[in-house]
Amino acid sequence: MTFRLHIPADQYDIYKALSDEARRDIAVCLVDAVQDPLAASEPYGEDDGIVRTVARGRAAIVILINEQTNTITVLAIAYAG
């Protein structure tokens, strides 16, 4: 099942300000996550299966998985670079 991706405006502004390399890493993470968010992510703190982290290279994204609406929402973007 494919999930829909929701990036709130504040997180999209962060994404737009990053380098092409960082944006590419984030995009790969999110494309993988929409196909199978649990398999593509790791627990964020306690493993509740809802708030998860996806990472690649120097990018990390905290996501919220809503299985009722089949939506993944970006909660936070971090890039060490």
PDB file of N, CA and C in Angstrom:
ATOM      1  N   MET A   1       0.832  -1.162   0.000  1.00  0.00           N
ATOM      2  CA  MET A   1       0.000   0.000   0.000  1.00  0.00           C
ATOM      3  C   MET A   1       0.889   1.242   0.000  1.00  0.00           C
ATOM      4  N   THR A   2       0.562   2.203  -0.810  1.00  0.00           N
ATOM      5  CA  THR A   2       1.317   3.444  -0.872  1.00  0.00           C
ATOM      6  C   THR A   2       0.663   4.497   0.013  1.00  0.00           C
ATOM      7  N   PHE A   3       1.481   5.157   0.817  1.00  0.00           N
ATOM      8  CA  PHE A   3       1.008   6.222   1.682  1.00  0.00           C
ATOM      9  C   PHE A   3       1.145   7.567   0.970  1.00  0.00           C
ATOM     10  N   ARG A   4       0.323   8.522   1.358  1.00  0.00           N
ATOM     11  CA  ARG A   4       0.447   9.886   0.863  1.00  0.00           C
ATOM     12  C   ARG A   4       1.433  10.617   1.765  1.00  0.00           C
ATOM     13  N   LEU A   5       2.140  11.564   1.198  1.00  0.00           N
ATOM     14  CA  LEU A   5       3.123  12.327   1.946  1.00  0.00           C
ATOM     15  C   LEU A   5       2.600  13.737   2.185  1.00  0.00           C
ATOM     16  N   HIS A   6       2.667  14.176   3.443  1.00  0.00           N
ATOM     17  CA  HIS A   6       2.289  15.548   3.787  1.00  0.00           C
ATOM     18  C   HIS A   6       3.489  16.227   4.423  1.00  0.00           C
ATOM     19  N   ILE A   7       3.918  17.342   3.821  1.00  0.00           N
ATOM     20  CA  ILE A   7       5.020  18.134   4.373  1.00  0.00           C
ATOM     21  C   ILE A   7       4.450  19.501   4.739  1.00  0.00           C
ATOM     22  N   PRO A   8       4.310  19.785   6.024  1.00  0.00           N
ATOM     23  CA  PRO A   8       3.807  21.099   6.434  1.00  0.00           C
ATOM     24  C   PRO A   8       4.714  22.222   5.907  1.00  0.00           C
ATOM     25  N   ALA A   9       4.147  23.403   5.754  1.00  0.00           N
ATOM     26  CA  ALA A   9       4.865  24.534   5.159  1.00  0.00           C
ATOM     27  C   ALA A   9       6.175  24.844   5.883  1.00  0.00           C
ATOM     28  N   ASP A  10       6.187  24.776   7.207  1.00  0.00           N
ATOM     29  CA  ASP A  10       7.421  25.096   7.931  1.00  0.00           C
ATOM     30  C   ASP A  10       8.525  24.084   7.631  1.00  0.00           C
ATOM     31  N   GLN A  11       8.166  22.820   7.491  1.00  0.00           N
ATOM     32  CA  GLN A  11       9.159  21.798   7.175  1.00  0.00           C
ATOM     33  C   GLN A  11       9.600  21.898   5.714  1.00  0.00           C
ATOM     34  N   TYR A  12       8.684  22.271   4.836  1.00  0.00           N
ATOM     35  CA  TYR A  12       9.048  22.454   3.427  1.00  0.00           C
ATOM     36  C   TYR A  12      10.016  23.625   3.270  1.00  0.00           C
ATOM     37  N   ASP A  13       9.842  24.662   4.058  1.00  0.00           N
ATOM     38  CA  ASP A  13      10.776  25.786   4.024  1.00  0.00           C
ATOM     39  C   ASP A  13      12.178  25.346   4.421  1.00  0.00           C
ATOM     40  N   ILE A  14      12.271  24.485   5.422  1.00  0.00           N
ATOM     41  CA  ILE A  14      13.569  23.932   5.819  1.00  0.00           C
ATOM     42  C   ILE A  14      14.160  23.125   4.675  1.00  0.00           C
ATOM     43  N   TYR A  15      13.349  22.269   4.067  1.00  0.00           N
ATOM     44  CA  TYR A  15      13.786  21.440   2.946  1.00  0.00           C
ATOM     45  C   TYR A  15      14.304  22.308   1.788  1.00  0.00           C
ATOM     46  N   LYS A  16      13.579  23.351   1.435  1.00  0.00           N
ATOM     47  CA  LYS A  16      13.967  24.220   0.316  1.00  0.00           C
ATOM     48  C   LYS A  16      15.304  24.913   0.562  1.00  0.00           C
ATOM     49  N   ALA A  17      15.625  25.190   1.808  1.00  0.00           N
ATOM     50  CA  ALA A  17      16.848  25.926   2.138  1.00  0.00           C
ATOM     51  C   ALA A  17      18.100  25.047   2.136  1.00  0.00           C
ATOM     52  N   LEU A  18      17.938  23.749   2.041  1.00  0.00           N
ATOM     53  CA  LEU A  18      19.084  22.830   2.110  1.00  0.00           C
ATOM     54  C   LEU A  18      19.791  22.711   0.761  1.00  0.00           C
ATOM     55  N   SER A  19      20.986  22.167   0.807  1.00  0.00           N
ATOM     56  CA  SER A  19      21.761  21.920  -0.414  1.00  0.00           C
ATOM     57  C   SER A  19      21.094  20.832  -1.252  1.00  0.00           C
ATOM     58  N   ASP A  20      21.500  20.750  -2.515  1.00  0.00           N
ATOM     59  CA  ASP A  20      20.956  19.718  -3.397  1.00  0.00           C
ATOM     60  C   ASP A  20      21.229  18.322  -2.850  1.00  0.00           C
ATOM     61  N   GLU A  21      22.423  18.111  -2.300  1.00  0.00           N
ATOM     62  CA  GLU A  21      22.769  16.800  -1.732  1.00  0.00           C
ATOM     63  C   GLU A  21      21.835  16.436  -0.583  1.00  0.00           C
ATOM     64  N   ALA A  22      21.591  17.376   0.304  1.00  0.00           N
ATOM     65  CA  ALA A  22      20.696  17.122   1.435  1.00  0.00           C
ATOM     66  C   ALA A  22      19.279  16.856   0.955  1.00  0.00           C
ATOM     67  N   ARG A  23      18.814  17.649   0.011  1.00  0.00           N
ATOM     68  CA  ARG A  23      17.459  17.461  -0.528  1.00  0.00           C
ATOM     69  C   ARG A  23      17.314  16.093  -1.184  1.00  0.00           C
ATOM     70  N   ARG A  24      18.361  15.655  -1.860  1.00  0.00           N
ATOM     71  CA  ARG A  24      18.345  14.337  -2.505  1.00  0.00           C
ATOM     72  C   ARG A  24      18.242  13.231  -1.458  1.00  0.00           C
ATOM     73  N   ASP A  25      19.033  13.322  -0.383  1.00  0.00           N
ATOM     74  CA  ASP A  25      18.971  12.326   0.686  1.00  0.00           C
ATOM     75  C   ASP A  25      17.582  12.281   1.320  1.00  0.00           C
ATOM     76  N   ILE A  26      17.016  13.438   1.567  1.00  0.00           N
ATOM     77  CA  ILE A  26      15.679  13.507   2.165  1.00  0.00           C
ATOM     78  C   ILE A  26      14.636  12.931   1.218  1.00  0.00           C
ATOM     79  N   ALA A  27      14.732  13.277  -0.054  1.00  0.00           N
ATOM     80  CA  ALA A  27      13.765  12.767  -1.030  1.00  0.00           C
ATOM     81  C   ALA A  27      13.808  11.245  -1.114  1.00  0.00           C
ATOM     82  N   VAL A  28      15.017  10.673  -1.123  1.00  0.00           N
ATOM     83  CA  VAL A  28      15.149   9.209  -1.172  1.00  0.00           C
ATOM     84  C   VAL A  28      14.500   8.581   0.061  1.00  0.00           C
ATOM     85  N   CYS A  29      14.751   9.143   1.224  1.00  0.00           N
ATOM     86  CA  CYS A  29      14.148   8.628   2.459  1.00  0.00           C
ATOM     87  C   CYS A  29      12.626   8.632   2.371  1.00  0.00           C
ATOM     88  N   LEU A  30      12.076   9.725   1.913  1.00  0.00           N
ATOM     89  CA  LEU A  30      10.622   9.858   1.894  1.00  0.00           C
ATOM     90  C   LEU A  30       9.975   8.999   0.813  1.00  0.00           C
ATOM     91  N   VAL A  31      10.635   8.858  -0.326  1.00  0.00           N
ATOM     92  CA  VAL A  31      10.091   7.977  -1.375  1.00  0.00           C
ATOM     93  C   VAL A  31      10.055   6.539  -0.877  1.00  0.00           C
ATOM     94  N   ASP A  32      11.113   6.104  -0.202  1.00  0.00           N
ATOM     95  CA  ASP A  32      11.123   4.757   0.366  1.00  0.00           C
ATOM     96  C   ASP A  32      10.034   4.607   1.429  1.00  0.00           C
ATOM     97  N   ALA A  33       9.849   5.634   2.233  1.00  0.00           N
ATOM     98  CA  ALA A  33       8.883   5.561   3.331  1.00  0.00           C
ATOM     99  C   ALA A  33       7.438   5.481   2.841  1.00  0.00           C
ATOM    100  N   VAL A  34       7.103   6.120   1.743  1.00  0.00           N
ATOM    101  CA  VAL A  34       5.703   6.073   1.303  1.00  0.00           C
ATOM    102  C   VAL A  34       5.308   4.678   0.829  1.00  0.00           C
ATOM    103  N   GLN A  35       6.267   3.866   0.437  1.00  0.00           N
ATOM    104  CA  GLN A  35       5.962   2.503   0.018  1.00  0.00           C
ATOM    105  C   GLN A  35       5.735   1.571   1.207  1.00  0.00           C
ATOM    106  N   ASP A  36       6.582   1.687   2.226  1.00  0.00           N
ATOM    107  CA  ASP A  36       6.480   0.841   3.412  1.00  0.00           C
ATOM    108  C   ASP A  36       7.127   1.581   4.578  1.00  0.00           C
ATOM    109  N   PRO A  37       6.379   2.450   5.251  1.00  0.00           N
ATOM    110  CA  PRO A  37       6.976   3.312   6.260  1.00  0.00           C
ATOM    111  C   PRO A  37       7.614   2.577   7.434  1.00  0.00           C
ATOM    112  N   LEU A  38       7.066   1.477   7.859  1.00  0.00           N
ATOM    113  CA  LEU A  38       7.659   0.752   8.986  1.00  0.00           C
ATOM    114  C   LEU A  38       8.979   0.098   8.595  1.00  0.00           C
ATOM    115  N   ALA A  39       9.040  -0.461   7.404  1.00  0.00           N
ATOM    116  CA  ALA A  39      10.274  -1.112   6.960  1.00  0.00           C
ATOM    117  C   ALA A  39      11.373  -0.095   6.656  1.00  0.00           C
ATOM    118  N   ALA A  40      10.997   1.110   6.217  1.00  0.00           N
ATOM    119  CA  ALA A  40      11.964   2.123   5.816  1.00  0.00           C
ATOM    120  C   ALA A  40      12.421   3.000   6.971  1.00  0.00           C
ATOM    121  N   SER A  41      11.902   2.759   8.167  1.00  0.00           N
ATOM    122  CA  SER A  41      12.184   3.665   9.281  1.00  0.00           C
ATOM    123  C   SER A  41      12.609   2.912  10.535  1.00  0.00           C
ATOM    124  N   GLU A  42      13.054   3.689  11.485  1.00  0.00           N
ATOM    125  CA  GLU A  42      13.450   3.170  12.801  1.00  0.00           C
ATOM    126  C   GLU A  42      12.605   3.867  13.855  1.00  0.00           C
ATOM    127  N   PRO A  43      12.449   3.246  15.014  1.00  0.00           N
ATOM    128  CA  PRO A  43      11.681   3.904  16.082  1.00  0.00           C
ATOM    129  C   PRO A  43      12.291   5.244  16.480  1.00  0.00           C
ATOM    130  N   TYR A  44      11.443   6.164  16.812  1.00  0.00           N
ATOM    131  CA  TYR A  44      11.858   7.456  17.357  1.00  0.00           C
ATOM    132  C   TYR A  44      11.540   7.408  18.842  1.00  0.00           C
ATOM    133  N   GLY A  45      12.557   7.124  19.640  1.00  0.00           N
ATOM    134  CA  GLY A  45      12.312   6.916  21.071  1.00  0.00           C
ATOM    135  C   GLY A  45      11.660   5.562  21.281  1.00  0.00           C
ATOM    136  N   GLU A  46      10.546   5.544  21.994  1.00  0.00           N
ATOM    137  CA  GLU A  46       9.803   4.312  22.231  1.00  0.00           C
ATOM    138  C   GLU A  46       9.139   3.857  20.937  1.00  0.00           C
ATOM    139  N   ASP A  47       9.204   2.575  20.645  1.00  0.00           N
ATOM    140  CA  ASP A  47       8.653   2.064  19.390  1.00  0.00           C
ATOM    141  C   ASP A  47       7.141   1.932  19.491  1.00  0.00           C
ATOM    142  N   ASP A  48       6.440   2.969  19.060  1.00  0.00           N
ATOM    143  CA  ASP A  48       4.982   2.942  19.062  1.00  0.00           C
ATOM    144  C   ASP A  48       4.419   2.659  17.670  1.00  0.00           C
ATOM    145  N   GLY A  49       5.298   2.556  16.650  1.00  0.00           N
ATOM    146  CA  GLY A  49       4.857   2.292  15.289  1.00  0.00           C
ATOM    147  C   GLY A  49       4.185   3.482  14.642  1.00  0.00           C
ATOM    148  N   ILE A  50       4.215   4.633  15.314  1.00  0.00           N
ATOM    149  CA  ILE A  50       3.535   5.815  14.786  1.00  0.00           C
ATOM    150  C   ILE A  50       4.538   6.925  14.475  1.00  0.00           C
ATOM    151  N   VAL A  51       5.378   7.268  15.431  1.00  0.00           N
ATOM    152  CA  VAL A  51       6.412   8.285  15.214  1.00  0.00           C
ATOM    153  C   VAL A  51       7.724   7.546  14.953  1.00  0.00           C
ATOM    154  N   ARG A  52       8.304   7.806  13.794  1.00  0.00           N
ATOM    155  CA  ARG A  52       9.482   7.059  13.355  1.00  0.00           C
ATOM    156  C   ARG A  52      10.518   8.013  12.771  1.00  0.00           C
ATOM    157  N   THR A  53      11.721   7.493  12.553  1.00  0.00           N
ATOM    158  CA  THR A  53      12.806   8.256  11.950  1.00  0.00           C
ATOM    159  C   THR A  53      13.285   7.550  10.686  1.00  0.00           C
ATOM    160  N   VAL A  54      13.463   8.324   9.627  1.00  0.00           N
ATOM    161  CA  VAL A  54      14.110   7.823   8.418  1.00  0.00           C
ATOM    162  C   VAL A  54      15.386   8.629   8.231  1.00  0.00           C
ATOM    163  N   ALA A  55      16.448   7.964   7.767  1.00  0.00           N
ATOM    164  CA  ALA A  55      17.725   8.646   7.642  1.00  0.00           C
ATOM    165  C   ALA A  55      18.515   8.113   6.463  1.00  0.00           C
ATOM    166  N   ARG A  56      19.343   9.002   5.922  1.00  0.00           N
ATOM    167  CA  ARG A  56      20.255   8.639   4.826  1.00  0.00           C
ATOM    168  C   ARG A  56      21.353   9.686   4.810  1.00  0.00           C
ATOM    169  N   GLY A  57      22.585   9.233   4.682  1.00  0.00           N
ATOM    170  CA  GLY A  57      23.693  10.179   4.665  1.00  0.00           C
ATOM    171  C   GLY A  57      23.701  10.996   5.946  1.00  0.00           C
ATOM    172  N   ARG A  58      23.648  12.296   5.795  1.00  0.00           N
ATOM    173  CA  ARG A  58      23.627  13.182   6.953  1.00  0.00           C
ATOM    174  C   ARG A  58      22.249  13.771   7.221  1.00  0.00           C
ATOM    175  N   ALA A  59      21.219  13.193   6.606  1.00  0.00           N
ATOM    176  CA  ALA A  59      19.851  13.685   6.782  1.00  0.00           C
ATOM    177  C   ALA A  59      19.046  12.732   7.658  1.00  0.00           C
ATOM    178  N   ALA A  60      18.209  13.307   8.497  1.00  0.00           N
ATOM    179  CA  ALA A  60      17.283  12.528   9.325  1.00  0.00           C
ATOM    180  C   ALA A  60      15.938  13.251   9.327  1.00  0.00           C
ATOM    181  N   ILE A  61      14.878  12.480   9.203  1.00  0.00           N
ATOM    182  CA  ILE A  61      13.538  13.034   9.151  1.00  0.00           C
ATOM    183  C   ILE A  61      12.667  12.282  10.140  1.00  0.00           C
ATOM    184  N   VAL A  62      11.956  13.013  10.965  1.00  0.00           N
ATOM    185  CA  VAL A  62      10.996  12.401  11.888  1.00  0.00           C
ATOM    186  C   VAL A  62       9.637  12.442  11.190  1.00  0.00           C
ATOM    187  N   ILE A  63       8.979  11.279  11.130  1.00  0.00           N
ATOM    188  CA  ILE A  63       7.686  11.189  10.453  1.00  0.00           C
ATOM    189  C   ILE A  63       6.615  10.660  11.398  1.00  0.00           C
ATOM    190  N   LEU A  64       5.395  11.019  11.088  1.00  0.00           N
ATOM    191  CA  LEU A  64       4.219  10.521  11.788  1.00  0.00           C
ATOM    192  C   LEU A  64       3.453   9.651  10.807  1.00  0.00           C
ATOM    193  N   ILE A  65       3.232   8.392  11.166  1.00  0.00           N
ATOM    194  CA  ILE A  65       2.525   7.457  10.295  1.00  0.00           C
ATOM    195  C   ILE A  65       1.081   7.344  10.757  1.00  0.00           C
ATOM    196  N   ASN A  66       0.146   7.664   9.865  1.00  0.00           N
ATOM    197  CA  ASN A  66      -1.276   7.532  10.160  1.00  0.00           C
ATOM    198  C   ASN A  66      -1.838   6.455   9.244  1.00  0.00           C
ATOM    199  N   GLU A  67      -2.008   5.260   9.780  1.00  0.00           N
ATOM    200  CA  GLU A  67      -2.492   4.145   8.971  1.00  0.00           C
ATOM    201  C   GLU A  67      -3.970   4.281   8.616  1.00  0.00           C
ATOM    202  N   GLN A  68      -4.739   5.028   9.395  1.00  0.00           N
ATOM    203  CA  GLN A  68      -6.161   5.208   9.091  1.00  0.00           C
ATOM    204  C   GLN A  68      -6.362   6.025   7.823  1.00  0.00           C
ATOM    205  N   THR A  69      -5.511   7.032   7.626  1.00  0.00           N
ATOM    206  CA  THR A  69      -5.636   7.875   6.431  1.00  0.00           C
ATOM    207  C   THR A  69      -4.565   7.571   5.388  1.00  0.00           C
ATOM    208  N   ASN A  70      -3.702   6.607   5.683  1.00  0.00           N
ATOM    209  CA  ASN A  70      -2.577   6.264   4.801  1.00  0.00           C
ATOM    210  C   ASN A  70      -1.738   7.490   4.469  1.00  0.00           C
ATOM    211  N   THR A  71      -1.414   8.250   5.506  1.00  0.00           N
ATOM    212  CA  THR A  71      -0.643   9.472   5.334  1.00  0.00           C
ATOM    213  C   THR A  71       0.609   9.447   6.204  1.00  0.00           C
ATOM    214  N   ILE A  72       1.693   9.935   5.653  1.00  0.00           N
ATOM    215  CA  ILE A  72       2.923  10.168   6.399  1.00  0.00           C
ATOM    216  C   ILE A  72       3.111  11.682   6.459  1.00  0.00           C
ATOM    217  N   THR A  73       3.286  12.197   7.674  1.00  0.00           N
ATOM    218  CA  THR A  73       3.504  13.622   7.866  1.00  0.00           C
ATOM    219  C   THR A  73       4.921  13.850   8.372  1.00  0.00           C
ATOM    220  N   VAL A  74       5.623  14.784   7.751  1.00  0.00           N
ATOM    221  CA  VAL A  74       6.972  15.149   8.191  1.00  0.00           C
ATOM    222  C   VAL A  74       6.854  16.056   9.402  1.00  0.00           C
ATOM    223  N   LEU A  75       7.426  15.619  10.512  1.00  0.00           N
ATOM    224  CA  LEU A  75       7.395  16.409  11.750  1.00  0.00           C
ATOM    225  C   LEU A  75       8.649  17.248  11.924  1.00  0.00           C
ATOM    226  N   ALA A  76       9.799  16.732  11.472  1.00  0.00           N
ATOM    227  CA  ALA A  76      11.052  17.468  11.646  1.00  0.00           C
ATOM    228  C   ALA A  76      12.078  16.984  10.615  1.00  0.00           C
ATOM    229  N   ILE A  77      12.900  17.916  10.160  1.00  0.00           N
ATOM    230  CA  ILE A  77      13.998  17.615   9.242  1.00  0.00           C
ATOM    231  C   ILE A  77      15.284  18.094   9.896  1.00  0.00           C
ATOM    232  N   ALA A  78      16.290  17.224   9.894  1.00  0.00           N
ATOM    233  CA  ALA A  78      17.596  17.601  10.417  1.00  0.00           C
ATOM    234  C   ALA A  78      18.662  17.212   9.398  1.00  0.00           C
ATOM    235  N   TYR A  79      19.653  18.081   9.236  1.00  0.00           N
ATOM    236  CA  TYR A  79      20.759  17.787   8.321  1.00  0.00           C
ATOM    237  C   TYR A  79      22.048  18.270   8.953  1.00  0.00           C
ATOM    238  N   ALA A  80      23.001  17.369   9.070  1.00  0.00           N
ATOM    239  CA  ALA A  80      24.304  17.703   9.644  1.00  0.00           C
ATOM    240  C   ALA A  80      25.281  17.935   8.495  1.00  0.00           C
ATOM    241  N   GLY A  81      25.406  19.162   8.082  1.00  0.00           N
ATOM    242  CA  GLY A  81      26.292  19.392   6.969  1.00  0.00           C
ATOM    243  C   GLY A  81      26.680  20.793   6.753  1.00  0.00           C
TER     244      GLY A  81
END
